[in-house]
């Protein structure tokens, strides 16, 4: 059973962050503040976590694929996409890095905010 760790807000978006999902930190906020997605772009977010960058990208993108190795992160990001009304543009894939993708799929932008463990 999942439990809510905390809620994170960015602009007019809100994100639930589960206990077993890597939480956005200062680097995520910096990345989000500087995210410049072209309208209609196809975006890949590797290591999506709670989905913060993928969901922000979906504001302008035509489609966003969010990948994470953590199955809880995928469920959390999917819930957050519904909460932020971006689920119609998003696809969620559990897997390690690029391995679940088919060869020949093209993206206009690839996001990867790798977690840093100290």
C-alpha atoms as a PDB file:
ATOM      1  CA  UNK A   1       0.000   0.000   0.000  1.00  0.00           C
ATOM      2  CA  UNK A   2       1.372   3.405  -0.968  1.00  0.00           C
ATOM      3  CA  UNK A   3       1.473   6.322   1.391  1.00  0.00           C
ATOM      4  CA  UNK A   4       1.770   9.997   0.571  1.00  0.00           C
ATOM      5  CA  UNK A   5       5.135  11.445   1.486  1.00  0.00           C
ATOM      6  CA  UNK A   6       4.357  15.041   0.585  1.00  0.00           C
ATOM      7  CA  UNK A   7       2.893  17.350  -2.005  1.00  0.00           C
ATOM      8  CA  UNK A   8       5.109  19.480  -4.241  1.00  0.00           C
ATOM      9  CA  UNK A   9       3.835  22.477  -6.188  1.00  0.00           C
ATOM     10  CA  UNK A  10       5.340  24.182  -9.211  1.00  0.00           C
ATOM     11  CA  UNK A  11       3.562  27.043 -10.983  1.00  0.00           C
ATOM     12  CA  UNK A  12      -0.077  25.971 -11.112  1.00  0.00           C
ATOM     13  CA  UNK A  13       0.764  22.251 -10.964  1.00  0.00           C
ATOM     14  CA  UNK A  14       0.591  19.987  -7.927  1.00  0.00           C
ATOM     15  CA  UNK A  15       2.372  16.649  -7.477  1.00  0.00           C
ATOM     16  CA  UNK A  16       1.906  13.868  -4.951  1.00  0.00           C
ATOM     17  CA  UNK A  17       5.226  12.279  -4.042  1.00  0.00           C
ATOM     18  CA  UNK A  18       4.939   8.787  -2.580  1.00  0.00           C
ATOM     19  CA  UNK A  19       7.317   7.495   0.086  1.00  0.00           C
ATOM     20  CA  UNK A  20       8.879   4.970  -2.301  1.00  0.00           C
ATOM     21  CA  UNK A  21       9.400   7.469  -5.169  1.00  0.00           C
ATOM     22  CA  UNK A  22      12.412   9.773  -5.505  1.00  0.00           C
ATOM     23  CA  UNK A  23      11.258  13.277  -4.536  1.00  0.00           C
ATOM     24  CA  UNK A  24      12.035  16.346  -6.631  1.00  0.00           C
ATOM     25  CA  UNK A  25      14.771  18.519  -5.127  1.00  0.00           C
ATOM     26  CA  UNK A  26      16.431  21.833  -6.007  1.00  0.00           C
ATOM     27  CA  UNK A  27      17.876  20.371  -9.200  1.00  0.00           C
ATOM     28  CA  UNK A  28      14.380  19.403 -10.348  1.00  0.00           C
ATOM     29  CA  UNK A  29      13.121  22.939  -9.700  1.00  0.00           C
ATOM     30  CA  UNK A  30      16.061  24.412 -11.633  1.00  0.00           C
ATOM     31  CA  UNK A  31      15.420  22.010 -14.512  1.00  0.00           C
ATOM     32  CA  UNK A  32      11.677  22.809 -14.460  1.00  0.00           C
ATOM     33  CA  UNK A  33      12.268  26.580 -14.437  1.00  0.00           C
ATOM     34  CA  UNK A  34      14.446  26.272 -17.540  1.00  0.00           C
ATOM     35  CA  UNK A  35      12.390  23.695 -19.425  1.00  0.00           C
ATOM     36  CA  UNK A  36      11.620  25.021 -22.891  1.00  0.00           C
ATOM     37  CA  UNK A  37       9.473  22.582 -24.848  1.00  0.00           C
ATOM     38  CA  UNK A  38       8.402  23.468 -28.362  1.00  0.00           C
ATOM     39  CA  UNK A  39       4.708  23.233 -29.108  1.00  0.00           C
ATOM     40  CA  UNK A  40       3.877  19.847 -30.658  1.00  0.00           C
ATOM     41  CA  UNK A  41       7.163  18.200 -29.639  1.00  0.00           C
ATOM     42  CA  UNK A  42       7.591  14.508 -28.854  1.00  0.00           C
ATOM     43  CA  UNK A  43       9.319  14.261 -25.472  1.00  0.00           C
ATOM     44  CA  UNK A  44      10.941  11.409 -23.557  1.00  0.00           C
ATOM     45  CA  UNK A  45      11.464  11.732 -19.794  1.00  0.00           C
ATOM     46  CA  UNK A  46      13.899   9.096 -18.524  1.00  0.00           C
ATOM     47  CA  UNK A  47      13.748   8.473 -14.772  1.00  0.00           C
ATOM     48  CA  UNK A  48      10.462  10.344 -14.443  1.00  0.00           C
ATOM     49  CA  UNK A  49       9.998   9.830 -10.692  1.00  0.00           C
ATOM     50  CA  UNK A  50       6.758  11.540  -9.688  1.00  0.00           C
ATOM     51  CA  UNK A  51       6.458  12.857 -13.253  1.00  0.00           C
ATOM     52  CA  UNK A  52       7.149  16.527 -12.588  1.00  0.00           C
ATOM     53  CA  UNK A  53       9.213  17.202 -15.732  1.00  0.00           C
ATOM     54  CA  UNK A  54       7.102  14.976 -17.970  1.00  0.00           C
ATOM     55  CA  UNK A  55       3.901  16.690 -16.863  1.00  0.00           C
ATOM     56  CA  UNK A  56       5.374  20.155 -17.299  1.00  0.00           C
ATOM     57  CA  UNK A  57       6.577  19.140 -20.766  1.00  0.00           C
ATOM     58  CA  UNK A  58       3.073  17.894 -21.630  1.00  0.00           C
ATOM     59  CA  UNK A  59       1.797  21.447 -21.265  1.00  0.00           C
ATOM     60  CA  UNK A  60       3.194  22.189 -24.768  1.00  0.00           C
ATOM     61  CA  UNK A  61       4.266  18.806 -26.151  1.00  0.00           C
ATOM     62  CA  UNK A  62       2.095  16.685 -28.410  1.00  0.00           C
ATOM     63  CA  UNK A  63       3.186  13.543 -26.565  1.00  0.00           C
ATOM     64  CA  UNK A  64       5.367  12.589 -23.632  1.00  0.00           C
ATOM     65  CA  UNK A  65       6.754   9.150 -22.793  1.00  0.00           C
ATOM     66  CA  UNK A  66       7.704   8.812 -19.113  1.00  0.00           C
ATOM     67  CA  UNK A  67      10.041   5.939 -18.201  1.00  0.00           C
ATOM     68  CA  UNK A  68      11.197   4.799 -14.779  1.00  0.00           C
ATOM     69  CA  UNK A  69      12.643   1.549 -13.455  1.00  0.00           C
ATOM     70  CA  UNK A  70      10.600   1.944 -10.249  1.00  0.00           C
ATOM     71  CA  UNK A  71       7.043   0.590 -10.698  1.00  0.00           C
ATOM     72  CA  UNK A  72       5.828   2.867  -7.872  1.00  0.00           C
ATOM     73  CA  UNK A  73       7.211   5.889  -9.699  1.00  0.00           C
ATOM     74  CA  UNK A  74       5.237   4.955 -12.807  1.00  0.00           C
ATOM     75  CA  UNK A  75       2.033   4.641 -10.781  1.00  0.00           C
ATOM     76  CA  UNK A  76       2.746   7.891  -8.949  1.00  0.00           C
ATOM     77  CA  UNK A  77       3.492   9.775 -12.208  1.00  0.00           C
ATOM     78  CA  UNK A  78       0.346   8.350 -13.800  1.00  0.00           C
ATOM     79  CA  UNK A  79      -1.716   9.588 -10.833  1.00  0.00           C
ATOM     80  CA  UNK A  80      -0.068  13.007 -11.094  1.00  0.00           C
ATOM     81  CA  UNK A  81      -0.837  13.215 -14.810  1.00  0.00           C
ATOM     82  CA  UNK A  82      -4.520  12.712 -13.995  1.00  0.00           C
ATOM     83  CA  UNK A  83      -4.313  15.262 -11.170  1.00  0.00           C
ATOM     84  CA  UNK A  84      -2.827  17.802 -13.611  1.00  0.00           C
ATOM     85  CA  UNK A  85      -5.030  16.815 -16.571  1.00  0.00           C
ATOM     86  CA  UNK A  86      -2.186  15.811 -18.905  1.00  0.00           C
ATOM     87  CA  UNK A  87      -2.966  12.075 -19.124  1.00  0.00           C
ATOM     88  CA  UNK A  88      -4.271  12.330 -22.705  1.00  0.00           C
ATOM     89  CA  UNK A  89      -0.773  13.261 -23.944  1.00  0.00           C
ATOM     90  CA  UNK A  90       1.246  10.879 -21.805  1.00  0.00           C
ATOM     91  CA  UNK A  91       2.466   7.295 -21.988  1.00  0.00           C
ATOM     92  CA  UNK A  92       4.070   5.505 -19.042  1.00  0.00           C
ATOM     93  CA  UNK A  93       6.616   2.726 -19.363  1.00  0.00           C
ATOM     94  CA  UNK A  94       8.361   0.795 -16.631  1.00  0.00           C
ATOM     95  CA  UNK A  95      11.904  -0.103 -17.562  1.00  0.00           C
ATOM     96  CA  UNK A  96      15.577   0.696 -17.268  1.00  0.00           C
ATOM     97  CA  UNK A  97      16.724   3.769 -19.212  1.00  0.00           C
ATOM     98  CA  UNK A  98      16.081   3.297 -22.956  1.00  0.00           C
ATOM     99  CA  UNK A  99      15.714  -0.511 -22.927  1.00  0.00           C
ATOM    100  CA  UNK A 100      11.886  -0.622 -23.170  1.00  0.00           C
ATOM    101  CA  UNK A 101      11.829   1.568 -26.299  1.00  0.00           C
ATOM    102  CA  UNK A 102      11.577   0.195 -29.808  1.00  0.00           C
ATOM    103  CA  UNK A 103      14.402   0.966 -32.201  1.00  0.00           C
ATOM    104  CA  UNK A 104      13.546   3.815 -34.543  1.00  0.00           C
ATOM    105  CA  UNK A 105      11.358   5.869 -32.217  1.00  0.00           C
ATOM    106  CA  UNK A 106      12.293   9.538 -32.521  1.00  0.00           C
ATOM    107  CA  UNK A 107      11.958  12.257 -29.917  1.00  0.00           C
ATOM    108  CA  UNK A 108      12.424  15.997 -30.279  1.00  0.00           C
ATOM    109  CA  UNK A 109      13.586  16.277 -26.677  1.00  0.00           C
ATOM    110  CA  UNK A 110      14.974  13.828 -24.124  1.00  0.00           C
ATOM    111  CA  UNK A 111      14.888  14.783 -20.453  1.00  0.00           C
ATOM    112  CA  UNK A 112      16.964  12.993 -17.818  1.00  0.00           C
ATOM    113  CA  UNK A 113      17.365  14.424 -14.363  1.00  0.00           C
ATOM    114  CA  UNK A 114      19.310  11.582 -12.806  1.00  0.00           C
ATOM    115  CA  UNK A 115      18.911  11.149  -9.056  1.00  0.00           C
ATOM    116  CA  UNK A 116      21.972  12.028  -7.022  1.00  0.00           C
ATOM    117  CA  UNK A 117      22.640   9.979  -3.916  1.00  0.00           C
ATOM    118  CA  UNK A 118      25.269  11.283  -1.547  1.00  0.00           C
END
